[in-house]
Amino acid sequence: MTDATSTTEIQIREAMERGGRNRRAIRIWFGVVLVTLFCLVLVGGATRLTGSGLSITEWKPIHGVIPPLSAEEWQEEFALYQRIPQYQQINKGMTVDEFKSIFWWEWAHRLLARSIGVIFALPLFYFWLTGRIERRLRWPLVGLLALGGFQGFIGWWMVSSGLTKLTSVSQYRLATHLVIACLIFSACMWIMRGLSPHSGDAPPTPTSRRWAAGLAFLALFQIYLGALVAGLDAGLAYNTWPLMDGAVVPSDLFIQQPWWINLFENPKTVQYIHRLGAYALLAVALWHMIQSLQAAPQSTHARRSVVLFALIVIQAAIGITTLLLQVPLDAALAHQGGALVVLGFAIAHWRGFYGEYAPETAVVLRN
């Protein structure tokens, strides 16, 4: 072995080790981002369930970080809330102390939203400037940062829908807000998974990857349906299972005209479709698991399919419990958190069929 060959091997090994350390650091960063996003969605769910989402009636991206600090400031904030329909029609007579209990939920949600911007942006700039981010990821990460900023605008767009005529936010805007949050969560999971080591096992069947993709999209669609249910308070009615309103297929599902408006504005129809979505997700996950176990029972893909099916079964059980108990806060938040866990694992499972990103290693030889 020549000295030049030995030097080349050392340079390659050092470059690969450096690349591995960089990927590990970025995975840790993304892990923190994902945990923060998870908490943000849960606090958002609690804000919705406690009726707190309209307690802050102005959008102050910078100044809004500081809550009221004196009795006069609390009174000013409360006076703004007293102008909107939710106070006048639902909470009339509320005291300032009672107002504080809903204010803090919304303030915490907005603070977390601002925090996630800092948690994402500052490490991005640092890793970029120090050359730790691979070229293929640079602009996708900038796009994610931009999408996060856009999500802040969507959040205010959602809140503004409940400040003039409605006593709560529009279910359409609530669903949009939640789906964008889930897309950001999914993108972070996809990238983090791509930077993680993979087993290299072949897919159990030629269609396994497509089934995994379908499960991820079904999980996201089910979250969208759940947001419509939440926006319409549809979970507070028809609290029986497996029958709904005493039937397998309840009546009056398309009582409103035009018929398609029932899919978005009829609480009964929306809840029923959410149930059907859960059954579909469970059935597809079961089929995917059986197919994977039959074809390649020892592969990591098959093992992940078992875990994914188990997570969906647990999530279904939590959903049924939440419905039967008439949506208590703890069960409802467990259901919302479970939905994110299922989505995140479904994305990771799908990404597992593509393998790890090929390393970007460049070695310059000098004579």
Protein backbone atom coordinates (compact mmCIF):
# COMPACT_ATOMS: atom_id res chain seq x y z
CA MET A 1 0.00 0.00 0.00
CA THR A 2 1.46 3.38 -1.06
CA ASP A 3 1.59 6.46 1.14
CA ALA A 4 -0.87 8.22 -1.22
CA THR A 5 -3.38 5.38 -0.91
CA SER A 6 -3.04 5.35 2.87
CA THR A 7 -3.55 9.12 3.01
CA THR A 8 -6.65 8.85 0.82
CA GLU A 9 -8.18 6.19 3.05
CA ILE A 10 -7.53 8.28 6.15
CA GLN A 11 -9.10 11.33 4.53
CA ILE A 12 -12.15 9.32 3.46
CA ARG A 13 -12.54 7.83 6.92
CA GLU A 14 -12.21 11.22 8.60
CA ALA A 15 -14.73 12.76 6.20
CA MET A 16 -17.22 9.97 6.85
CA GLU A 17 -16.77 10.28 10.61
CA ARG A 18 -17.26 14.04 10.38
CA GLY A 19 -20.37 13.52 8.27
CA GLY A 20 -21.70 11.03 10.80
CA ARG A 21 -21.18 13.50 13.66
CA ASN A 22 -22.92 16.23 11.70
CA ARG A 23 -25.89 13.97 10.98
CA ARG A 24 -26.12 12.96 14.61
CA ALA A 25 -26.17 16.62 15.69
CA ILE A 26 -28.88 17.44 13.17
CA ARG A 27 -30.94 14.44 14.29
CA ILE A 28 -30.77 15.68 17.88
CA TRP A 29 -31.85 19.13 16.72
CA PHE A 30 -34.77 17.64 14.80
CA GLY A 31 -35.70 15.52 17.79
CA VAL A 32 -36.03 18.67 19.89
CA VAL A 33 -38.07 20.31 17.12
CA LEU A 34 -40.42 17.31 16.94
CA VAL A 35 -40.95 17.22 20.72
CA THR A 36 -41.69 20.95 20.71
CA LEU A 37 -44.12 20.56 17.81
CA PHE A 38 -45.83 17.72 19.66
CA CYS A 39 -46.25 19.91 22.74
CA LEU A 40 -47.46 22.79 20.58
CA VAL A 41 -50.21 20.68 19.03
CA LEU A 42 -51.29 19.36 22.44
CA VAL A 43 -51.45 22.84 23.94
CA GLY A 44 -53.39 23.94 20.86
CA GLY A 45 -55.81 21.10 21.47
CA ALA A 46 -56.23 22.08 25.10
CA THR A 47 -56.78 25.68 24.01
CA ARG A 48 -59.57 24.53 21.74
CA LEU A 49 -61.14 22.16 24.27
CA THR A 50 -61.18 24.76 27.06
CA GLY A 51 -62.70 27.41 24.80
CA SER A 52 -59.61 29.59 25.21
CA GLY A 53 -58.67 30.19 21.59
CA LEU A 54 -60.38 33.58 21.28
CA SER A 55 -59.17 35.06 24.55
CA ILE A 56 -56.42 37.08 22.82
CA THR A 57 -58.12 39.21 20.20
CA GLU A 58 -55.10 40.91 18.65
CA TRP A 59 -52.14 39.60 16.70
CA LYS A 60 -48.91 40.96 18.14
CA PRO A 61 -46.09 38.73 16.87
CA ILE A 62 -43.42 40.56 18.88
CA HIS A 63 -45.10 42.55 21.65
CA GLY A 64 -47.51 39.68 22.37
CA VAL A 65 -44.73 37.69 24.03
CA ILE A 66 -45.25 39.78 27.17
CA PRO A 67 -48.53 38.99 28.98
CA PRO A 68 -50.46 41.56 31.05
CA LEU A 69 -48.39 42.48 34.09
CA SER A 70 -50.71 44.75 36.06
CA ALA A 71 -54.37 44.92 37.02
CA GLU A 72 -54.86 47.75 34.52
CA GLU A 73 -53.35 45.71 31.69
CA TRP A 74 -55.51 42.71 32.57
CA GLN A 75 -58.58 44.92 32.53
CA GLU A 76 -57.62 46.28 29.10
CA GLU A 77 -57.14 42.77 27.72
CA PHE A 78 -60.44 41.66 29.24
CA ALA A 79 -62.22 44.66 27.74
CA LEU A 80 -61.05 43.60 24.27
CA TYR A 81 -62.42 40.09 24.88
CA GLN A 82 -65.76 41.51 26.03
CA ARG A 83 -66.32 42.97 22.56
CA ILE A 84 -66.47 39.63 20.72
CA PRO A 85 -69.51 37.35 20.28
CA GLN A 86 -68.05 34.53 22.39
CA TYR A 87 -68.15 36.69 25.52
CA GLN A 88 -71.46 38.35 24.70
CA GLN A 89 -73.30 35.10 23.87
CA ILE A 90 -71.54 32.45 25.97
CA ASN A 91 -69.34 33.93 28.70
CA LYS A 92 -71.21 37.10 29.62
CA GLY A 93 -70.64 37.88 33.28
CA MET A 94 -67.20 36.24 33.36
CA THR A 95 -64.83 37.80 35.91
CA VAL A 96 -61.28 38.90 35.21
CA ASP A 97 -59.95 35.94 37.18
CA GLU A 98 -62.05 33.55 35.10
CA PHE A 99 -60.78 35.30 31.97
CA LYS A 100 -57.20 34.71 33.08
CA SER A 101 -57.82 30.95 33.14
CA ILE A 102 -58.57 30.91 29.42
CA PHE A 103 -56.06 33.62 28.53
CA TRP A 104 -53.09 31.61 29.80
CA TRP A 105 -53.88 28.64 27.53
CA GLU A 106 -53.90 30.79 24.42
CA TRP A 107 -50.85 32.75 25.55
CA ALA A 108 -48.93 29.49 26.16
CA HIS A 109 -49.91 28.24 22.71
CA ARG A 110 -48.66 31.40 21.06
CA LEU A 111 -45.47 31.41 23.12
CA LEU A 112 -44.71 27.83 22.08
CA ALA A 113 -45.39 28.75 18.46
CA ARG A 114 -42.88 31.59 18.69
CA SER A 115 -40.41 29.32 20.47
CA ILE A 116 -40.50 26.72 17.73
CA GLY A 117 -39.46 29.41 15.27
CA VAL A 118 -36.39 30.20 17.36
CA ILE A 119 -35.62 26.52 18.02
CA PHE A 120 -35.70 25.86 14.28
CA ALA A 121 -34.14 29.05 12.89
CA LEU A 122 -31.09 29.57 15.12
CA PRO A 123 -29.64 26.04 14.76
CA LEU A 124 -30.41 26.17 11.04
CA PHE A 125 -28.29 29.28 10.62
CA TYR A 126 -25.53 27.86 12.82
CA PHE A 127 -25.38 24.50 11.06
CA TRP A 128 -25.53 26.20 7.67
CA LEU A 129 -22.75 28.67 8.42
CA THR A 130 -20.50 25.95 9.85
CA GLY A 131 -21.06 23.69 6.83
CA ARG A 132 -22.84 20.92 8.72
CA ILE A 133 -26.00 20.88 6.59
CA GLU A 134 -25.79 18.81 3.43
CA ARG A 135 -26.52 20.59 0.17
CA ARG A 136 -29.61 18.51 -0.57
CA LEU A 137 -31.24 19.67 2.68
CA ARG A 138 -30.45 23.38 2.65
CA TRP A 139 -33.35 24.75 0.64
CA PRO A 140 -35.90 22.22 1.90
CA LEU A 141 -35.05 23.41 5.43
CA VAL A 142 -35.44 27.04 4.38
CA GLY A 143 -38.81 26.06 2.90
CA LEU A 144 -39.80 24.48 6.21
CA LEU A 145 -38.83 27.65 8.05
CA ALA A 146 -40.95 29.69 5.63
CA LEU A 147 -43.87 27.28 6.07
CA GLY A 148 -43.58 27.73 9.82
CA GLY A 149 -43.84 31.49 9.39
CA PHE A 150 -46.84 31.05 7.13
CA GLN A 151 -48.39 28.83 9.79
CA GLY A 152 -48.28 31.77 12.20
CA PHE A 153 -50.35 33.80 9.74
CA ILE A 154 -52.77 30.87 9.31
CA GLY A 155 -53.17 30.72 13.09
CA TRP A 156 -54.24 34.35 13.22
CA TRP A 157 -56.48 33.84 10.15
CA MET A 158 -58.15 31.03 12.11
CA VAL A 159 -58.60 33.12 15.26
CA SER A 160 -59.99 36.09 13.32
CA SER A 161 -62.87 33.94 12.07
CA GLY A 162 -64.30 33.91 15.60
CA LEU A 163 -64.00 37.60 16.43
CA THR A 164 -66.94 39.12 14.58
CA LYS A 165 -69.87 36.74 14.01
CA LEU A 166 -69.00 33.25 15.25
CA THR A 167 -68.58 32.23 18.88
CA SER A 168 -65.74 29.85 17.96
CA VAL A 169 -63.28 29.56 15.12
CA SER A 170 -64.28 28.23 11.69
CA GLN A 171 -63.86 24.46 11.42
CA TYR A 172 -62.41 24.96 7.94
CA ARG A 173 -59.67 27.22 9.24
CA LEU A 174 -59.06 25.03 12.29
CA ALA A 175 -58.54 22.01 10.02
CA THR A 176 -56.21 24.00 7.76
CA HIS A 177 -54.16 25.14 10.76
CA LEU A 178 -53.83 21.62 12.16
CA VAL A 179 -53.01 20.01 8.81
CA ILE A 180 -50.20 22.49 8.14
CA ALA A 181 -48.81 21.76 11.61
CA CYS A 182 -48.92 18.06 10.78
CA LEU A 183 -47.21 18.63 7.44
CA ILE A 184 -44.37 20.44 9.22
CA PHE A 185 -44.19 17.63 11.78
CA SER A 186 -44.16 15.02 9.00
CA ALA A 187 -41.46 16.80 7.01
CA CYS A 188 -39.24 16.99 10.08
CA MET A 189 -39.78 13.30 10.76
CA TRP A 190 -39.03 12.44 7.11
CA ILE A 191 -35.74 14.35 7.13
CA MET A 192 -34.66 13.04 10.53
CA ARG A 193 -35.40 9.48 9.42
CA GLY A 194 -33.42 10.00 6.23
CA LEU A 195 -30.39 11.02 8.30
CA SER A 196 -30.68 7.89 10.46
CA PRO A 197 -28.99 4.52 9.79
CA HIS A 198 -31.15 1.93 8.02
CA SER A 199 -31.03 -1.84 8.01
CA GLY A 200 -30.85 -2.24 4.25
CA ASP A 201 -33.59 -4.91 4.21
CA ALA A 202 -35.45 -5.19 0.93
CA PRO A 203 -39.18 -4.35 0.95
CA PRO A 204 -41.26 -7.45 1.77
CA THR A 205 -43.30 -7.08 -1.44
CA PRO A 206 -43.11 -4.87 -4.54
CA THR A 207 -46.11 -2.89 -3.25
CA SER A 208 -45.03 -2.49 0.38
CA ARG A 209 -43.76 1.04 -0.16
CA ARG A 210 -47.06 2.13 -1.71
CA TRP A 211 -49.04 0.63 1.16
CA ALA A 212 -46.82 2.46 3.64
CA ALA A 213 -47.36 5.72 1.74
CA GLY A 214 -51.10 5.11 1.75
CA LEU A 215 -51.08 4.59 5.51
CA ALA A 216 -49.24 7.87 6.05
CA PHE A 217 -51.74 9.77 3.92
CA LEU A 218 -54.69 8.05 5.60
CA ALA A 219 -53.31 9.01 9.01
CA LEU A 220 -53.02 12.65 7.91
CA PHE A 221 -56.51 12.61 6.39
CA GLN A 222 -57.91 11.16 9.60
CA ILE A 223 -56.36 14.05 11.53
CA TYR A 224 -58.04 16.46 9.10
CA LEU A 225 -61.39 14.77 9.75
CA GLY A 226 -60.74 14.95 13.49
CA ALA A 227 -60.16 18.69 13.19
CA LEU A 228 -63.55 19.08 11.52
CA VAL A 229 -65.10 17.07 14.36
CA ALA A 230 -63.42 19.33 16.91
CA GLY A 231 -64.39 22.49 15.08
CA LEU A 232 -68.05 21.48 15.05
CA ASP A 233 -67.99 20.02 18.60
CA ALA A 234 -69.31 16.90 16.88
CA GLY A 235 -67.75 14.62 19.49
CA LEU A 236 -70.16 15.91 22.12
CA ALA A 237 -73.11 14.21 20.42
CA TYR A 238 -73.87 10.60 19.46
CA ASN A 239 -71.67 9.23 22.24
CA THR A 240 -72.30 5.55 21.56
CA TRP A 241 -70.26 2.86 19.84
CA PRO A 242 -70.32 0.72 17.68
CA LEU A 243 -73.76 2.03 16.74
CA MET A 244 -74.26 5.72 16.05
CA ASP A 245 -77.66 7.19 16.84
CA GLY A 246 -78.89 3.61 17.21
CA ALA A 247 -77.86 2.44 13.74
CA VAL A 248 -74.88 1.18 11.78
CA VAL A 249 -75.61 3.86 9.19
CA PRO A 250 -77.46 6.70 10.93
CA SER A 251 -80.18 8.71 9.22
CA ASP A 252 -80.08 12.38 8.19
CA LEU A 253 -76.46 12.25 7.05
CA PHE A 254 -77.28 14.39 4.02
CA ILE A 255 -80.12 16.50 5.34
CA GLN A 256 -78.50 19.82 4.38
CA GLN A 257 -78.45 21.18 0.84
CA PRO A 258 -76.41 21.01 -1.28
CA TRP A 259 -75.59 17.47 -0.18
CA TRP A 260 -71.82 17.93 -0.08
CA ILE A 261 -72.02 20.65 2.56
CA ASN A 262 -72.91 17.90 5.06
CA LEU A 263 -69.36 16.57 4.70
CA PHE A 264 -68.07 19.75 6.34
CA GLU A 265 -70.91 21.35 8.30
CA ASN A 266 -73.23 18.58 9.52
CA PRO A 267 -71.80 17.38 12.88
CA LYS A 268 -73.47 13.99 12.50
CA THR A 269 -72.04 13.38 9.04
CA VAL A 270 -68.59 14.63 9.97
CA GLN A 271 -68.41 12.36 13.02
CA TYR A 272 -69.64 9.38 10.99
CA ILE A 273 -67.01 9.94 8.28
CA HIS A 274 -64.36 10.24 10.98
CA ARG A 275 -65.44 6.83 12.27
CA LEU A 276 -65.27 5.36 8.76
CA GLY A 277 -61.81 6.86 8.33
CA ALA A 278 -60.66 5.11 11.49
CA TYR A 279 -62.00 1.77 10.26
CA ALA A 280 -60.29 2.26 6.89
CA LEU A 281 -56.95 3.14 8.51
CA LEU A 282 -57.18 0.10 10.79
CA ALA A 283 -58.06 -2.23 7.90
CA VAL A 284 -55.24 -1.00 5.67
CA ALA A 285 -52.72 -1.27 8.53
CA LEU A 286 -53.89 -4.83 9.24
CA TRP A 287 -53.55 -5.85 5.60
CA HIS A 288 -50.13 -4.24 5.32
CA MET A 289 -48.95 -6.04 8.47
CA ILE A 290 -50.22 -9.43 7.32
CA GLN A 291 -48.69 -8.97 3.87
CA SER A 292 -45.32 -7.95 5.35
CA LEU A 293 -45.23 -10.80 7.88
CA GLN A 294 -46.08 -13.39 5.27
CA ALA A 295 -43.45 -12.19 2.81
CA ALA A 296 -40.55 -11.26 5.10
CA PRO A 297 -41.33 -11.87 8.79
CA GLN A 298 -37.74 -11.17 9.97
CA SER A 299 -37.31 -7.87 8.14
CA THR A 300 -37.29 -4.51 9.91
CA HIS A 301 -40.11 -3.41 7.58
CA ALA A 302 -42.34 -6.22 8.86
CA ARG A 303 -41.52 -5.41 12.47
CA ARG A 304 -42.36 -1.75 11.90
CA SER A 305 -45.68 -2.75 10.31
CA VAL A 306 -46.56 -4.63 13.52
CA VAL A 307 -45.71 -1.61 15.67
CA LEU A 308 -47.71 0.69 13.41
CA PHE A 309 -50.76 -1.57 13.55
CA ALA A 310 -50.49 -1.75 17.36
CA LEU A 311 -50.29 2.05 17.59
CA ILE A 312 -53.40 2.41 15.43
CA VAL A 313 -55.30 -0.10 17.57
CA ILE A 314 -54.35 1.82 20.72
CA GLN A 315 -55.35 5.09 19.08
CA ALA A 316 -58.71 3.62 18.07
CA ALA A 317 -59.31 2.47 21.66
CA ILE A 318 -58.48 5.95 22.98
CA GLY A 319 -60.82 7.49 20.41
CA ILE A 320 -63.71 5.22 21.39
CA THR A 321 -63.08 5.91 25.08
CA THR A 322 -63.02 9.65 24.43
CA LEU A 323 -66.33 9.42 22.59
CA LEU A 324 -68.05 7.29 25.23
CA LEU A 325 -66.90 9.60 28.04
CA GLN A 326 -68.17 12.64 26.10
CA VAL A 327 -64.77 14.15 25.39
CA PRO A 328 -63.12 14.85 28.75
CA LEU A 329 -60.00 16.99 28.44
CA ASP A 330 -57.46 14.31 29.39
CA ALA A 331 -58.86 11.66 27.05
CA ALA A 332 -59.28 14.13 24.20
CA LEU A 333 -55.66 15.28 24.52
CA ALA A 334 -54.49 11.66 24.67
CA HIS A 335 -56.41 11.06 21.44
CA GLN A 336 -54.87 14.08 19.75
CA GLY A 337 -51.39 13.13 20.93
CA GLY A 338 -51.96 9.56 19.78
CA ALA A 339 -52.87 10.82 16.32
CA LEU A 340 -49.51 12.59 16.06
CA VAL A 341 -47.67 9.48 17.27
CA VAL A 342 -49.41 7.38 14.62
CA LEU A 343 -48.69 9.95 11.92
CA GLY A 344 -45.06 10.30 12.94
CA PHE A 345 -44.47 6.55 13.00
CA ALA A 346 -46.31 6.10 9.70
CA ILE A 347 -44.03 8.70 8.10
CA ALA A 348 -40.93 7.05 9.59
CA HIS A 349 -42.15 3.65 8.39
CA TRP A 350 -42.71 4.95 4.86
CA ARG A 351 -39.32 6.70 4.84
CA GLY A 352 -37.68 3.45 5.92
CA PHE A 353 -38.28 1.95 2.48
CA TYR A 354 -36.02 4.55 0.85
CA GLY A 355 -32.94 4.03 3.00
CA GLU A 356 -30.55 6.55 4.46
CA TYR A 357 -29.52 9.60 2.48
CA ALA A 358 -26.35 8.85 0.54
CA PRO A 359 -23.44 10.57 2.29
CA GLU A 360 -22.07 13.72 0.72
CA THR A 361 -18.36 13.15 1.16
CA ALA A 362 -15.75 15.01 -0.82
CA VAL A 363 -12.04 14.28 -0.54
CA VAL A 364 -9.57 16.60 -2.21
CA LEU A 365 -6.19 15.05 -2.99
CA ARG A 366 -3.13 17.24 -3.15
CA ASN A 367 0.15 16.10 -4.69
